[in-house]
Protein backbone atom coordinates (compact mmCIF):
# COMPACT_ATOMS: atom_id res chain seq x y z
CA UNK A 1 59.07 146.21 -79.89
CA UNK A 2 59.71 144.67 -83.32
CA UNK A 3 63.35 145.77 -83.17
CA UNK A 4 63.78 144.07 -79.78
CA UNK A 5 62.32 140.85 -81.22
CA UNK A 6 64.81 140.93 -84.08
CA UNK A 7 67.65 141.72 -81.69
CA UNK A 8 66.62 138.74 -79.54
CA UNK A 9 66.31 136.40 -82.51
CA UNK A 10 69.50 137.57 -84.18
CA UNK A 11 72.35 138.31 -81.87
CA UNK A 12 74.73 139.10 -84.65
CA UNK A 13 74.63 139.51 -88.40
CA UNK A 14 78.10 139.73 -89.88
CA UNK A 15 78.62 140.54 -93.51
CA UNK A 16 81.77 140.18 -95.47
CA UNK A 17 81.93 141.17 -99.09
CA UNK A 18 84.06 139.71 -101.80
CA UNK A 19 83.77 140.89 -105.36
CA UNK A 20 85.48 139.00 -108.10
CA UNK A 21 88.29 141.47 -108.68
CA UNK A 22 92.01 141.17 -108.07
CA UNK A 23 93.39 142.01 -104.67
CA UNK A 24 96.49 139.90 -105.21
CA UNK A 25 99.67 141.26 -106.74
CA UNK A 26 99.09 142.06 -110.38
CA UNK A 27 102.35 140.44 -111.48
CA UNK A 28 101.02 137.04 -110.35
CA UNK A 29 98.22 137.21 -112.92
CA UNK A 30 98.19 137.31 -116.68
CA UNK A 31 95.44 139.35 -118.32
CA UNK A 32 93.23 138.48 -121.27
CA UNK A 33 90.09 139.87 -122.90
CA UNK A 34 86.95 137.91 -123.72
CA UNK A 35 83.80 139.50 -125.17
CA UNK A 36 85.18 142.94 -124.28
CA UNK A 37 85.69 142.07 -120.59
CA UNK A 38 89.15 142.00 -119.01
CA UNK A 39 90.05 138.92 -116.99
CA UNK A 40 93.13 137.93 -115.03
CA UNK A 41 94.27 134.42 -114.30
CA UNK A 42 97.05 132.79 -112.33
CA UNK A 43 96.45 129.44 -114.03
CA UNK A 44 94.18 128.28 -111.23
CA UNK A 45 91.73 131.13 -110.54
CA UNK A 46 90.23 133.55 -113.03
CA UNK A 47 88.91 136.91 -111.92
CA UNK A 48 87.17 139.85 -113.57
CA UNK A 49 88.95 143.19 -113.26
CA UNK A 50 86.38 145.68 -111.95
CA UNK A 51 86.71 149.42 -111.43
CA UNK A 52 84.48 150.72 -110.01
CA UNK A 53 83.13 147.75 -108.10
CA UNK A 54 79.35 147.42 -107.59
CA UNK A 55 78.01 149.18 -104.53
CA UNK A 56 74.82 149.05 -102.51
CA UNK A 57 73.30 152.53 -102.62
CA UNK A 58 74.55 154.29 -99.52
CA UNK A 59 77.57 152.00 -99.15
CA UNK A 60 78.42 149.08 -96.90
CA UNK A 61 76.86 150.61 -93.78
CA UNK A 62 73.51 151.00 -95.55
CA UNK A 63 73.73 147.43 -96.87
CA UNK A 64 74.33 146.09 -93.36
CA UNK A 65 71.41 148.16 -92.08
CA UNK A 66 69.15 146.96 -94.89
CA UNK A 67 70.00 143.31 -94.30
CA UNK A 68 69.70 143.49 -90.50
CA UNK A 69 66.34 145.30 -90.81
CA UNK A 70 64.97 142.74 -93.26
CA UNK A 71 66.32 139.39 -92.08
CA UNK A 72 63.90 137.00 -90.40
CA UNK A 73 65.43 134.20 -88.36
CA UNK A 74 63.21 131.23 -89.27
CA UNK A 75 61.19 130.01 -86.28
CA UNK A 76 61.84 126.37 -87.18
CA UNK A 77 65.60 127.00 -87.19
CA UNK A 78 65.36 128.79 -83.85
CA UNK A 79 63.42 125.87 -82.31
CA UNK A 80 65.92 123.34 -83.66
CA UNK A 81 68.84 125.58 -82.61
CA UNK A 82 70.22 125.72 -86.15
CA UNK A 83 72.83 128.42 -86.63
CA UNK A 84 75.78 129.12 -88.91
CA UNK A 85 77.12 131.11 -91.81
CA UNK A 86 75.43 130.85 -95.21
CA UNK A 87 77.40 132.10 -98.22
CA UNK A 88 75.23 133.52 -101.00
CA UNK A 89 76.66 134.29 -104.46
CA UNK A 90 74.79 136.64 -106.77
CA UNK A 91 75.41 138.82 -109.78
CA UNK A 92 74.97 142.58 -109.89
CA UNK A 93 73.74 143.08 -113.47
CA UNK A 94 74.66 146.03 -115.70
CA UNK A 95 71.41 147.72 -114.64
CA UNK A 96 72.15 147.12 -110.92
CA UNK A 97 69.55 144.37 -110.53
CA UNK A 98 70.40 141.36 -108.32
CA UNK A 99 70.39 138.16 -110.38
CA UNK A 100 71.49 134.51 -110.34
CA UNK A 101 71.37 134.08 -106.56
CA UNK A 102 72.64 130.73 -105.32
CA UNK A 103 74.01 129.18 -102.18
CA UNK A 104 77.79 128.78 -102.27
CA UNK A 105 78.06 127.25 -98.80
CA UNK A 106 75.05 125.81 -97.03
CA UNK A 107 74.32 125.43 -93.34
CA UNK A 108 70.81 124.04 -93.50
CA UNK A 109 68.01 124.35 -96.10
CA UNK A 110 65.94 126.39 -93.64
CA UNK A 111 68.63 129.06 -93.25
CA UNK A 112 69.60 128.83 -96.93
CA UNK A 113 66.03 129.69 -97.94
CA UNK A 114 65.99 132.80 -95.72
CA UNK A 115 69.43 133.91 -96.93
CA UNK A 116 68.29 133.63 -100.57
CA UNK A 117 65.05 135.49 -99.84
CA UNK A 118 66.99 138.27 -98.16
CA UNK A 119 69.49 138.71 -101.00
CA UNK A 120 66.84 138.48 -103.74
CA UNK A 121 64.80 141.19 -101.98
CA UNK A 122 67.62 143.76 -102.11
CA UNK A 123 67.02 146.91 -104.15
CA UNK A 124 69.17 147.67 -107.18
CA UNK A 125 72.86 148.42 -106.63
CA UNK A 126 75.13 150.86 -108.43
CA UNK A 127 76.60 148.54 -111.08
CA UNK A 128 80.27 147.77 -111.55
CA UNK A 129 82.31 148.79 -114.55
CA UNK A 130 85.42 148.25 -116.54
CA UNK A 131 87.12 150.66 -118.94
CA UNK A 132 84.12 153.02 -118.75
CA UNK A 133 81.53 150.31 -119.52
CA UNK A 134 79.06 148.72 -117.13
CA UNK A 135 79.54 144.96 -116.66
CA UNK A 136 77.85 142.25 -114.60
CA UNK A 137 79.86 141.40 -111.48
CA UNK A 138 79.64 138.38 -109.20
CA UNK A 139 79.53 138.97 -105.43
CA UNK A 140 79.51 136.66 -102.41
CA UNK A 141 78.06 137.66 -99.07
CA UNK A 142 78.29 135.42 -96.00
CA UNK A 143 75.32 135.85 -93.68
CA UNK A 144 75.91 134.66 -90.13
CA UNK A 145 72.84 133.32 -88.33
CA UNK A 146 73.48 133.22 -84.59
CA UNK A 147 71.20 132.40 -81.66
CA UNK A 148 71.51 133.73 -78.14
């Protein structure tokens, strides 16, 4: 019964992940080190080189399951027919803890509050690393709130 309520309230929860590591061609970036962490820059954007990248325990499928099982579409937003995609940025610390959560792109304070609650409630992740050392890594997850 509870699952049907969630399915009714949330038609679709789409997650896209973007870690701050280079996916562009390496030759477009110049590398530099700061405090033992490798960065790359193209003069405009600076990224952290991460290998391995942080991972939710169980992988992306488990993360999607966790978020869909724990999201609560705010009643006030449902009544006011507020929907949209909230982008939440957070840091996966060296110990895997979720820290420094903030809204990167807002839809409405009601949905923003729920998106922050959801991300802050996540269990620890497997942390990211670089050159054999664990490092904090910034992540952005868009959470799509959709009504029927």
